[in-house]
Amino acid sequence: MRSQLSRGQNQTLRIIGGQWRGRKLSFPEANGLRPTSDRVRETLFNWLAPRLAGARCLDLFAGSGALGIEALSRGAAHCDFIDAEPRAIQTINAHLNTLSALDRGHCHSGSALSFLATAGKYDIIFVDPPFAAGLAPGVLNAILAGHCLAADGRLYLEQGRDNSDPLDPRFEVLRDKFAGDVHFRLLCVAE
């Protein structure tokens, strides 16, 4: 899934469902950026379909913005995009402008942990950190500590097949799947 492009080239993201279905958006190459594949996104959004209309979403480690833009295309009311790479945030903001969705999506440059310290509640949270960075446990703990996930909310976690971290027992796994070198799960807070 990692790009083999030479420096300065762009990668392309295709929106696979909803009002912007089929639209292609380009984004600059960045070290370690690997957008969620079409196949994984299709499965994920099938899982989330009953929950998307009017949802408030958070796309942590947004990168290309694939997850949050797909959610908006499929009827989410709002999505906050967080990424530490300013160039990624500028590109996502440009895409929201192109899609006439600046009123539904807001971009924030900075760390996921800093954002979560003051975040509100979200119906759907996408967590797709760089696989080898080991960031998932700290981010999941911050989501729980900050009560960032709505009572009946869903959290999507994407990790590498070979470096999936054990889950905090306060999360319940609703769906669990592998695709190539990706391990992806849909979680909720255990009752």
C-alpha atoms as a PDB file:
ATOM      1  CA  MET A   1       0.000   0.000   0.000  1.00  0.00           C
ATOM      2  CA  ARG A   2       2.940   2.350   0.457  1.00  0.00           C
ATOM      3  CA  SER A   3       3.681   4.564  -2.478  1.00  0.00           C
ATOM      4  CA  GLN A   4       6.758   3.935  -4.569  1.00  0.00           C
ATOM      5  CA  LEU A   5       6.467   7.331  -6.234  1.00  0.00           C
ATOM      6  CA  SER A   6       9.435   9.602  -6.623  1.00  0.00           C
ATOM      7  CA  ARG A   7       9.506  12.832  -4.661  1.00  0.00           C
ATOM      8  CA  GLY A   8       7.126  15.491  -5.935  1.00  0.00           C
ATOM      9  CA  GLN A   9       4.596  13.176  -7.584  1.00  0.00           C
ATOM     10  CA  ASN A  10       0.977  12.996  -6.507  1.00  0.00           C
ATOM     11  CA  GLN A  11      -1.113  10.023  -5.495  1.00  0.00           C
ATOM     12  CA  THR A  12      -4.816   9.710  -6.280  1.00  0.00           C
ATOM     13  CA  LEU A  13      -7.704   8.886  -4.001  1.00  0.00           C
ATOM     14  CA  ARG A  14     -11.065   7.752  -5.386  1.00  0.00           C
ATOM     15  CA  ILE A  15     -14.233   8.351  -3.382  1.00  0.00           C
ATOM     16  CA  ILE A  16     -16.104   5.046  -3.564  1.00  0.00           C
ATOM     17  CA  GLY A  17     -19.622   5.889  -2.409  1.00  0.00           C
ATOM     18  CA  GLY A  18     -22.176   8.581  -1.669  1.00  0.00           C
ATOM     19  CA  GLN A  19     -22.756  11.957  -3.289  1.00  0.00           C
ATOM     20  CA  TRP A  20     -19.151  12.294  -4.539  1.00  0.00           C
ATOM     21  CA  ARG A  21     -18.832   8.686  -5.702  1.00  0.00           C
ATOM     22  CA  GLY A  22     -16.213   8.282  -8.411  1.00  0.00           C
ATOM     23  CA  ARG A  23     -14.541  11.665  -7.770  1.00  0.00           C
ATOM     24  CA  LYS A  24     -10.760  11.468  -7.815  1.00  0.00           C
ATOM     25  CA  LEU A  25      -8.687  13.675  -5.576  1.00  0.00           C
ATOM     26  CA  SER A  26      -4.910  13.958  -5.746  1.00  0.00           C
ATOM     27  CA  PHE A  27      -2.664  14.493  -2.772  1.00  0.00           C
ATOM     28  CA  PRO A  28       1.094  14.932  -2.454  1.00  0.00           C
ATOM     29  CA  GLU A  29       3.369  12.042  -1.623  1.00  0.00           C
ATOM     30  CA  ALA A  30       4.454  12.029   2.008  1.00  0.00           C
ATOM     31  CA  ASN A  31       6.752   9.670   3.815  1.00  0.00           C
ATOM     32  CA  GLY A  32       4.725   6.838   5.362  1.00  0.00           C
ATOM     33  CA  LEU A  33       1.390   7.998   3.944  1.00  0.00           C
ATOM     34  CA  ARG A  34      -0.727   4.974   2.972  1.00  0.00           C
ATOM     35  CA  PRO A  35      -4.378   5.780   2.427  1.00  0.00           C
ATOM     36  CA  THR A  36      -6.868   3.126   3.438  1.00  0.00           C
ATOM     37  CA  SER A  37      -7.448   0.940   0.377  1.00  0.00           C
ATOM     38  CA  ASP A  38     -10.716   0.944  -1.582  1.00  0.00           C
ATOM     39  CA  ARG A  39     -11.383  -2.637  -0.489  1.00  0.00           C
ATOM     40  CA  VAL A  40     -10.972  -1.870   3.226  1.00  0.00           C
ATOM     41  CA  ARG A  41     -12.959   1.379   2.955  1.00  0.00           C
ATOM     42  CA  GLU A  42     -15.826  -0.449   1.228  1.00  0.00           C
ATOM     43  CA  THR A  43     -15.983  -3.003   4.062  1.00  0.00           C
ATOM     44  CA  LEU A  44     -15.707  -0.336   6.744  1.00  0.00           C
ATOM     45  CA  PHE A  45     -18.440   1.839   5.293  1.00  0.00           C
ATOM     46  CA  ASN A  46     -20.724  -1.169   4.865  1.00  0.00           C
ATOM     47  CA  TRP A  47     -20.270  -1.748   8.604  1.00  0.00           C
ATOM     48  CA  LEU A  48     -20.996   1.921   9.350  1.00  0.00           C
ATOM     49  CA  ALA A  49     -23.842   2.472   6.855  1.00  0.00           C
ATOM     50  CA  PRO A  50     -26.693   2.588   9.411  1.00  0.00           C
ATOM     51  CA  ARG A  51     -24.787   5.126  11.533  1.00  0.00           C
ATOM     52  CA  LEU A  52     -23.491   7.626   8.963  1.00  0.00           C
ATOM     53  CA  ALA A  53     -26.500   9.860   8.305  1.00  0.00           C
ATOM     54  CA  GLY A  54     -25.990  13.005  10.364  1.00  0.00           C
ATOM     55  CA  ALA A  55     -22.953  11.603  12.214  1.00  0.00           C
ATOM     56  CA  ARG A  56     -20.273  13.750  13.781  1.00  0.00           C
ATOM     57  CA  CYS A  57     -16.884  12.228  12.809  1.00  0.00           C
ATOM     58  CA  LEU A  58     -13.242  12.614  13.753  1.00  0.00           C
ATOM     59  CA  ASP A  59     -10.444  11.542  11.382  1.00  0.00           C
ATOM     60  CA  LEU A  60      -7.244  11.272  13.449  1.00  0.00           C
ATOM     61  CA  PHE A  61      -3.967  10.906  11.530  1.00  0.00           C
ATOM     62  CA  ALA A  62      -6.038  12.025   8.525  1.00  0.00           C
ATOM     63  CA  GLY A  63      -3.212  11.856   5.957  1.00  0.00           C
ATOM     64  CA  SER A  64      -5.040  11.898   2.619  1.00  0.00           C
ATOM     65  CA  GLY A  65      -8.408  12.476   4.313  1.00  0.00           C
ATOM     66  CA  ALA A  66      -9.804   9.306   2.694  1.00  0.00           C
ATOM     67  CA  LEU A  67     -11.861   8.162   5.684  1.00  0.00           C
ATOM     68  CA  GLY A  68     -13.357  11.502   6.661  1.00  0.00           C
ATOM     69  CA  ILE A  69     -14.118  12.575   3.089  1.00  0.00           C
ATOM     70  CA  GLU A  70     -15.755   9.195   2.408  1.00  0.00           C
ATOM     71  CA  ALA A  71     -17.873   9.648   5.563  1.00  0.00           C
ATOM     72  CA  LEU A  72     -18.988  13.119   4.425  1.00  0.00           C
ATOM     73  CA  SER A  73     -19.787  11.783   0.956  1.00  0.00           C
ATOM     74  CA  ARG A  74     -21.996   9.127   2.539  1.00  0.00           C
ATOM     75  CA  GLY A  75     -24.031  11.521   4.687  1.00  0.00           C
ATOM     76  CA  ALA A  76     -22.046  12.397   7.822  1.00  0.00           C
ATOM     77  CA  ALA A  77     -22.952  15.870   9.028  1.00  0.00           C
ATOM     78  CA  HIS A  78     -19.465  16.894  10.126  1.00  0.00           C
ATOM     79  CA  CYS A  79     -15.860  15.698  10.232  1.00  0.00           C
ATOM     80  CA  ASP A  80     -12.808  17.121  11.983  1.00  0.00           C
ATOM     81  CA  PHE A  81      -9.535  16.174  10.249  1.00  0.00           C
ATOM     82  CA  ILE A  82      -6.374  16.047  12.396  1.00  0.00           C
ATOM     83  CA  ASP A  83      -2.837  15.560  11.112  1.00  0.00           C
ATOM     84  CA  ALA A  84       0.595  16.691  12.288  1.00  0.00           C
ATOM     85  CA  GLU A  85       1.724  17.295   8.692  1.00  0.00           C
ATOM     86  CA  PRO A  86       0.645  20.822   7.621  1.00  0.00           C
ATOM     87  CA  ARG A  87       0.850  19.911   3.916  1.00  0.00           C
ATOM     88  CA  ALA A  88      -1.655  17.081   4.422  1.00  0.00           C
ATOM     89  CA  ILE A  89      -4.054  19.432   6.208  1.00  0.00           C
ATOM     90  CA  GLN A  90      -3.723  22.058   3.452  1.00  0.00           C
ATOM     91  CA  THR A  91      -4.520  19.421   0.825  1.00  0.00           C
ATOM     92  CA  ILE A  92      -7.562  18.098   2.709  1.00  0.00           C
ATOM     93  CA  ASN A  93      -8.823  21.661   3.148  1.00  0.00           C
ATOM     94  CA  ALA A  94      -8.414  22.253  -0.614  1.00  0.00           C
ATOM     95  CA  HIS A  95     -10.404  19.066  -1.306  1.00  0.00           C
ATOM     96  CA  LEU A  96     -13.187  20.185   1.035  1.00  0.00           C
ATOM     97  CA  ASN A  97     -13.261  23.484  -0.858  1.00  0.00           C
ATOM     98  CA  THR A  98     -13.408  21.665  -4.226  1.00  0.00           C
ATOM     99  CA  LEU A  99     -16.305  19.542  -2.922  1.00  0.00           C
ATOM    100  CA  SER A 100     -18.097  22.620  -1.488  1.00  0.00           C
ATOM    101  CA  ALA A 101     -17.886  21.009   1.956  1.00  0.00           C
ATOM    102  CA  LEU A 102     -15.972  23.581   4.005  1.00  0.00           C
ATOM    103  CA  ASP A 103     -19.066  24.006   6.162  1.00  0.00           C
ATOM    104  CA  ARG A 104     -19.038  20.279   7.050  1.00  0.00           C
ATOM    105  CA  GLY A 105     -15.319  19.571   7.439  1.00  0.00           C
ATOM    106  CA  HIS A 106     -12.729  21.352   9.540  1.00  0.00           C
ATOM    107  CA  CYS A 107      -8.974  20.780   9.396  1.00  0.00           C
ATOM    108  CA  HIS A 108      -6.625  20.994  12.367  1.00  0.00           C
ATOM    109  CA  SER A 109      -2.843  20.777  12.163  1.00  0.00           C
ATOM    110  CA  GLY A 110      -1.202  19.211  15.214  1.00  0.00           C
ATOM    111  CA  SER A 111      -0.938  16.056  17.242  1.00  0.00           C
ATOM    112  CA  ALA A 112      -3.860  13.728  17.802  1.00  0.00           C
ATOM    113  CA  LEU A 113      -3.208  13.656  21.555  1.00  0.00           C
ATOM    114  CA  SER A 114      -3.263  17.462  21.810  1.00  0.00           C
ATOM    115  CA  PHE A 115      -6.521  17.631  19.889  1.00  0.00           C
ATOM    116  CA  LEU A 116      -8.141  14.909  22.007  1.00  0.00           C
ATOM    117  CA  ALA A 117      -7.346  16.835  25.200  1.00  0.00           C
ATOM    118  CA  THR A 118     -10.013  19.395  24.273  1.00  0.00           C
ATOM    119  CA  ALA A 119     -12.214  17.456  21.828  1.00  0.00           C
ATOM    120  CA  GLY A 120     -15.942  17.049  22.207  1.00  0.00           C
ATOM    121  CA  LYS A 121     -17.956  13.892  21.562  1.00  0.00           C
ATOM    122  CA  TYR A 122     -18.021  12.102  18.232  1.00  0.00           C
ATOM    123  CA  ASP A 123     -20.328   9.445  16.814  1.00  0.00           C
ATOM    124  CA  ILE A 124     -17.535   7.908  14.716  1.00  0.00           C
ATOM    125  CA  ILE A 125     -13.776   8.172  15.271  1.00  0.00           C
ATOM    126  CA  PHE A 126     -11.262   6.940  12.689  1.00  0.00           C
ATOM    127  CA  VAL A 127      -7.848   6.007  14.136  1.00  0.00           C
ATOM    128  CA  ASP A 128      -5.280   5.116  11.465  1.00  0.00           C
ATOM    129  CA  PRO A 129      -1.831   6.016  12.842  1.00  0.00           C
ATOM    130  CA  PRO A 130       1.488   5.232  11.155  1.00  0.00           C
ATOM    131  CA  PHE A 131       1.782   1.477  11.633  1.00  0.00           C
ATOM    132  CA  ALA A 132       5.271   1.310  13.139  1.00  0.00           C
ATOM    133  CA  ALA A 133       4.923   4.330  15.440  1.00  0.00           C
ATOM    134  CA  GLY A 134       3.112   2.544  18.286  1.00  0.00           C
ATOM    135  CA  LEU A 135       0.680   5.439  18.773  1.00  0.00           C
ATOM    136  CA  ALA A 136      -2.603   3.512  18.990  1.00  0.00           C
ATOM    137  CA  PRO A 137      -2.584   2.592  22.722  1.00  0.00           C
ATOM    138  CA  GLY A 138      -1.972   6.174  23.865  1.00  0.00           C
ATOM    139  CA  VAL A 139      -4.579   7.578  21.480  1.00  0.00           C
ATOM    140  CA  LEU A 140      -7.200   5.010  22.496  1.00  0.00           C
ATOM    141  CA  ASN A 141      -6.521   5.787  26.156  1.00  0.00           C
ATOM    142  CA  ALA A 142      -6.904   9.532  25.465  1.00  0.00           C
ATOM    143  CA  ILE A 143     -10.229   8.898  23.693  1.00  0.00           C
ATOM    144  CA  LEU A 144     -11.488   6.991  26.725  1.00  0.00           C
ATOM    145  CA  ALA A 145     -10.103   9.492  29.256  1.00  0.00           C
ATOM    146  CA  GLY A 146     -11.650  12.423  27.386  1.00  0.00           C
ATOM    147  CA  HIS A 147     -14.983  10.649  26.825  1.00  0.00           C
ATOM    148  CA  CYS A 148     -14.614  11.572  23.136  1.00  0.00           C
ATOM    149  CA  LEU A 149     -16.729   8.701  21.791  1.00  0.00           C
ATOM    150  CA  ALA A 150     -20.507   9.156  22.083  1.00  0.00           C
ATOM    151  CA  ALA A 151     -22.350   6.574  24.197  1.00  0.00           C
ATOM    152  CA  ASP A 152     -23.379   4.522  21.165  1.00  0.00           C
ATOM    153  CA  GLY A 153     -20.419   5.611  19.029  1.00  0.00           C
ATOM    154  CA  ARG A 154     -18.061   3.557  16.914  1.00  0.00           C
ATOM    155  CA  LEU A 155     -14.290   3.656  16.641  1.00  0.00           C
ATOM    156  CA  TYR A 156     -12.413   2.362  13.608  1.00  0.00           C
ATOM    157  CA  LEU A 157      -8.845   1.198  14.256  1.00  0.00           C
ATOM    158  CA  GLU A 158      -6.425   0.338  11.454  1.00  0.00           C
ATOM    159  CA  GLN A 159      -3.031  -1.205  12.186  1.00  0.00           C
ATOM    160  CA  GLY A 160      -0.442  -3.374  10.488  1.00  0.00           C
ATOM    161  CA  ARG A 161      -1.051  -7.109  10.573  1.00  0.00           C
ATOM    162  CA  ASP A 162       2.317  -7.627  12.262  1.00  0.00           C
ATOM    163  CA  ASN A 163       2.111  -4.781  14.769  1.00  0.00           C
ATOM    164  CA  SER A 164      -1.459  -4.712  16.069  1.00  0.00           C
ATOM    165  CA  ASP A 165      -1.427  -3.603  19.676  1.00  0.00           C
ATOM    166  CA  PRO A 166      -3.498  -5.433  22.290  1.00  0.00           C
ATOM    167  CA  LEU A 167      -6.737  -3.586  22.971  1.00  0.00           C
ATOM    168  CA  ASP A 168      -7.701  -1.898  26.191  1.00  0.00           C
ATOM    169  CA  PRO A 169     -10.406  -4.126  27.763  1.00  0.00           C
ATOM    170  CA  ARG A 170     -12.673  -1.083  27.988  1.00  0.00           C
ATOM    171  CA  PHE A 171     -13.218  -1.510  24.230  1.00  0.00           C
ATOM    172  CA  GLU A 172     -15.399  -4.204  22.695  1.00  0.00           C
ATOM    173  CA  VAL A 173     -14.518  -5.530  19.242  1.00  0.00           C
ATOM    174  CA  LEU A 174     -17.616  -5.520  17.017  1.00  0.00           C
ATOM    175  CA  ARG A 175     -15.876  -6.422  13.740  1.00  0.00           C
ATOM    176  CA  ASP A 176     -12.365  -7.668  13.084  1.00  0.00           C
ATOM    177  CA  LYS A 177     -10.790  -8.325   9.694  1.00  0.00           C
ATOM    178  CA  PHE A 178      -7.501  -8.600   7.811  1.00  0.00           C
ATOM    179  CA  ALA A 179      -6.730  -7.438   4.262  1.00  0.00           C
ATOM    180  CA  GLY A 180      -3.181  -8.012   3.075  1.00  0.00           C
ATOM    181  CA  ASP A 181      -0.864  -6.475   5.666  1.00  0.00           C
ATOM    182  CA  VAL A 182      -3.695  -4.503   7.335  1.00  0.00           C
ATOM    183  CA  HIS A 183      -5.610  -5.441  10.485  1.00  0.00           C
ATOM    184  CA  PHE A 184      -8.774  -3.358  10.872  1.00  0.00           C
ATOM    185  CA  ARG A 185     -11.379  -3.376  13.621  1.00  0.00           C
ATOM    186  CA  LEU A 186     -14.616  -1.671  14.521  1.00  0.00           C
ATOM    187  CA  LEU A 187     -14.907  -0.995  18.248  1.00  0.00           C
ATOM    188  CA  CYS A 188     -17.312   0.442  20.792  1.00  0.00           C
ATOM    189  CA  VAL A 189     -16.876   1.216  24.467  1.00  0.00           C
ATOM    190  CA  ALA A 190     -17.724  -1.916  26.480  1.00  0.00           C
ATOM    191  CA  GLU A 191     -20.705  -1.558  28.777  1.00  0.00           C
END
